[in-house]
Structures are given as C-alpha cells and as structure tokens.
C-alpha atoms as a PDB file:
ATOM      1  CA  MET A   1      32.074  66.710  28.990  1.00  0.00           C
ATOM      2  CA  ALA A   2      30.299  65.422  32.105  1.00  0.00           C
ATOM      3  CA  ASN A   3      31.817  65.104  35.581  1.00  0.00           C
ATOM      4  CA  THR A   4      30.762  62.459  38.017  1.00  0.00           C
ATOM      5  CA  THR A   5      31.217  62.925  41.683  1.00  0.00           C
ATOM      6  CA  LEU A   6      31.160  60.176  44.380  1.00  0.00           C
ATOM      7  CA  HIS A   7      29.733  61.029  47.755  1.00  0.00           C
ATOM      8  CA  PRO A   8      31.533  58.751  50.270  1.00  0.00           C
ATOM      9  CA  GLN A   9      28.743  58.870  53.054  1.00  0.00           C
ATOM     10  CA  GLY A  10      26.454  56.681  50.872  1.00  0.00           C
ATOM     11  CA  LEU A  11      29.104  54.450  49.722  1.00  0.00           C
ATOM     12  CA  THR A  12      29.941  53.121  53.162  1.00  0.00           C
ATOM     13  CA  HIS A  13      26.501  52.045  53.733  1.00  0.00           C
ATOM     14  CA  ASP A  14      26.442  50.338  50.360  1.00  0.00           C
ATOM     15  CA  VAL A  15      29.731  48.486  50.850  1.00  0.00           C
ATOM     16  CA  GLN A  16      28.521  47.219  54.142  1.00  0.00           C
ATOM     17  CA  THR A  17      25.263  46.078  52.411  1.00  0.00           C
ATOM     18  CA  VAL A  18      27.205  44.199  49.653  1.00  0.00           C
ATOM     19  CA  SER A  19      29.587  42.831  52.186  1.00  0.00           C
ATOM     20  CA  SER A  20      26.641  41.512  54.374  1.00  0.00           C
ATOM     21  CA  ALA A  21      25.055  40.035  51.103  1.00  0.00           C
ATOM     22  CA  LEU A  22      28.307  38.115  50.069  1.00  0.00           C
ATOM     23  CA  HIS A  23      28.757  36.857  53.700  1.00  0.00           C
ATOM     24  CA  ASP A  24      25.188  35.379  53.601  1.00  0.00           C
ATOM     25  CA  LEU A  25      25.815  33.978  50.110  1.00  0.00           C
ATOM     26  CA  ILE A  26      29.013  32.305  51.215  1.00  0.00           C
ATOM     27  CA  GLN A  27      27.293  30.785  54.393  1.00  0.00           C
ATOM     28  CA  ALA A  28      24.292  29.527  52.110  1.00  0.00           C
ATOM     29  CA  THR A  29      26.766  28.037  49.687  1.00  0.00           C
ATOM     30  CA  HIS A  30      28.858  26.376  52.476  1.00  0.00           C
ATOM     31  CA  ARG A  31      25.549  24.796  53.849  1.00  0.00           C
ATOM     32  CA  LEU A  32      24.552  23.662  50.406  1.00  0.00           C
ATOM     33  CA  LEU A  33      27.856  22.050  49.658  1.00  0.00           C
ATOM     34  CA  LEU A  34      27.877  20.272  53.090  1.00  0.00           C
ATOM     35  CA  ALA A  35      24.371  18.790  52.377  1.00  0.00           C
ATOM     36  CA  LEU A  36      25.372  17.704  48.886  1.00  0.00           C
ATOM     37  CA  TRP A  37      28.471  16.018  50.248  1.00  0.00           C
ATOM     38  CA  ALA A  38      26.434  14.356  52.974  1.00  0.00           C
ATOM     39  CA  ALA A  39      23.898  13.158  50.399  1.00  0.00           C
ATOM     40  CA  PHE A  40      26.437  11.645  48.001  1.00  0.00           C
ATOM     41  CA  THR A  41      28.613  10.053  50.679  1.00  0.00           C
ATOM     42  CA  ARG A  42      25.914   8.627  52.774  1.00  0.00           C
ATOM     43  CA  HIS A  43      25.824   4.793  52.926  1.00  0.00           C
ATOM     44  CA  PRO A  44      22.519   3.097  53.290  1.00  0.00           C
ATOM     45  CA  GLU A  45      21.725   1.643  56.651  1.00  0.00           C
ATOM     46  CA  PRO A  46      22.086  -2.094  56.774  1.00  0.00           C
ATOM     47  CA  SER A  47      18.257  -2.546  57.322  1.00  0.00           C
ATOM     48  CA  GLN A  48      17.686  -0.541  54.025  1.00  0.00           C
ATOM     49  CA  VAL A  49      19.909  -2.793  52.031  1.00  0.00           C
ATOM     50  CA  PRO A  50      17.694  -5.644  50.531  1.00  0.00           C
ATOM     51  CA  SER A  51      18.937  -9.246  51.088  1.00  0.00           C
ATOM     52  CA  ALA A  52      19.586 -11.595  48.054  1.00  0.00           C
ATOM     53  CA  LEU A  53      16.282 -13.296  48.856  1.00  0.00           C
ATOM     54  CA  GLN A  54      14.353 -10.070  48.846  1.00  0.00           C
ATOM     55  CA  GLU A  55      15.768  -9.005  45.526  1.00  0.00           C
ATOM     56  CA  ALA A  56      15.162 -12.308  44.105  1.00  0.00           C
ATOM     57  CA  ASN A  57      11.600 -12.283  45.324  1.00  0.00           C
ATOM     58  CA  ARG A  58      11.038  -8.912  43.687  1.00  0.00           C
ATOM     59  CA  LEU A  59      12.568 -10.165  40.385  1.00  0.00           C
ATOM     60  CA  ARG A  60      10.118 -13.268  40.473  1.00  0.00           C
ATOM     61  CA  ALA A  61       7.224 -10.839  41.104  1.00  0.00           C
ATOM     62  CA  TYR A  62       8.159  -8.763  38.021  1.00  0.00           C
ATOM     63  CA  ALA A  63       8.523 -12.060  35.987  1.00  0.00           C
ATOM     64  CA  ASP A  64       5.098 -13.046  37.125  1.00  0.00           C
ATOM     65  CA  ARG A  65       3.655  -9.749  35.768  1.00  0.00           C
ATOM     66  CA  LEU A  66       5.497 -10.317  32.526  1.00  0.00           C
ATOM     67  CA  TYR A  67       4.580 -14.005  32.131  1.00  0.00           C
ATOM     68  CA  SER A  68       1.416 -13.484  30.215  1.00  0.00           C
ATOM     69  CA  SER A  69       3.005 -11.215  27.617  1.00  0.00           C
ATOM     70  CA  ASP A  70       6.498 -12.600  27.266  1.00  0.00           C
ATOM     71  CA  PRO A  71       6.961 -16.110  28.898  1.00  0.00           C
ATOM     72  CA  ARG A  72      10.532 -16.635  27.472  1.00  0.00           C
ATOM     73  CA  TYR A  73      11.590 -13.496  29.070  1.00  0.00           C
ATOM     74  CA  ALA A  74       9.867 -14.269  32.397  1.00  0.00           C
ATOM     75  CA  ARG A  75      11.686 -17.567  32.394  1.00  0.00           C
ATOM     76  CA  ASP A  76      14.862 -15.898  31.968  1.00  0.00           C
ATOM     77  CA  LEU A  77      14.186 -13.802  34.802  1.00  0.00           C
ATOM     78  CA  TYR A  78      13.176 -16.764  37.122  1.00  0.00           C
ATOM     79  CA  ALA A  79      16.501 -18.335  36.226  1.00  0.00           C
ATOM     80  CA  ALA A  80      18.374 -14.980  37.082  1.00  0.00           C
ATOM     81  CA  ALA A  81      16.570 -14.811  40.556  1.00  0.00           C
ATOM     82  CA  ILE A  82      17.792 -18.513  41.127  1.00  0.00           C
ATOM     83  CA  ARG A  83      21.387 -17.531  40.144  1.00  0.00           C
ATOM     84  CA  HIS A  84      21.313 -14.494  42.260  1.00  0.00           C
ATOM     85  CA  GLU A  85      20.332 -16.418  45.402  1.00  0.00           C
ATOM     86  CA  GLN A  86      22.953 -19.093  44.586  1.00  0.00           C
ATOM     87  CA  LEU A  87      25.693 -16.558  44.265  1.00  0.00           C
ATOM     88  CA  ALA A  88      24.799 -14.878  47.416  1.00  0.00           C
ATOM     89  CA  ALA A  89      24.737 -17.977  49.213  1.00  0.00           C
ATOM     90  CA  GLY A  90      28.130 -18.894  47.944  1.00  0.00           C
ATOM     91  CA  ARG A  91      29.543 -15.527  49.103  1.00  0.00           C
ATOM     92  CA  GLU A  92      28.043 -16.129  52.477  1.00  0.00           C
ATOM     93  CA  THR A  93      29.488 -19.539  53.070  1.00  0.00           C
ATOM     94  CA  ALA A  94      32.810 -18.120  51.758  1.00  0.00           C
ATOM     95  CA  ARG A  95      32.685 -15.568  54.668  1.00  0.00           C
ATOM     96  CA  ASP A  96      31.986 -18.120  57.298  1.00  0.00           C
END
C-alpha cells in the first residue's frame, strides 16, 4: 500500500496561483459579458438608419440589376419600392 504526503509550504503558493487565475478569469468573463450586452442592446444612430427613400432606391437598383434576367420579378421589386415609399409617407403624415 502506498502513502501520499502533502507538503503545505508548496500548497499555499499553488492555492494563491489558482486563486489569482480564477480572479483574472472572472474579470475577463465580466468584461466579455458587458461587451456582448452593449453590442446586442445598442441601437443604431439616427444617421445610420436609412430613410424610406434610400431603402426604396436600393431596391430599385437591385431591380435594375435583375431586369435583364427576370423582368417580372424586377417589376415586382419596383412596385414594392413604390409601396414602401407610400407607406412611409403615410406614417410621416400621421405623425404630423
């Protein structure tokens, strides 16, 4: 049968090392969670939110690229751009 003996002088240093590593891990995890929270709860600046006209123009540009290969779908996209502008204009007049 084998016996194992622990020597406390080396154990104190090991406990401090593990304790320090755990403290650093907790701090890093805290910073990571704060960064994730900030990233997911951040709202875009008003200057970053495209207007209905900008969105409609992008949709029209996409329709222009598709027109040669699928004109029916491109016409549907043009109509969607017009509806989007009209709905946005209706919301703006409702606010005033």
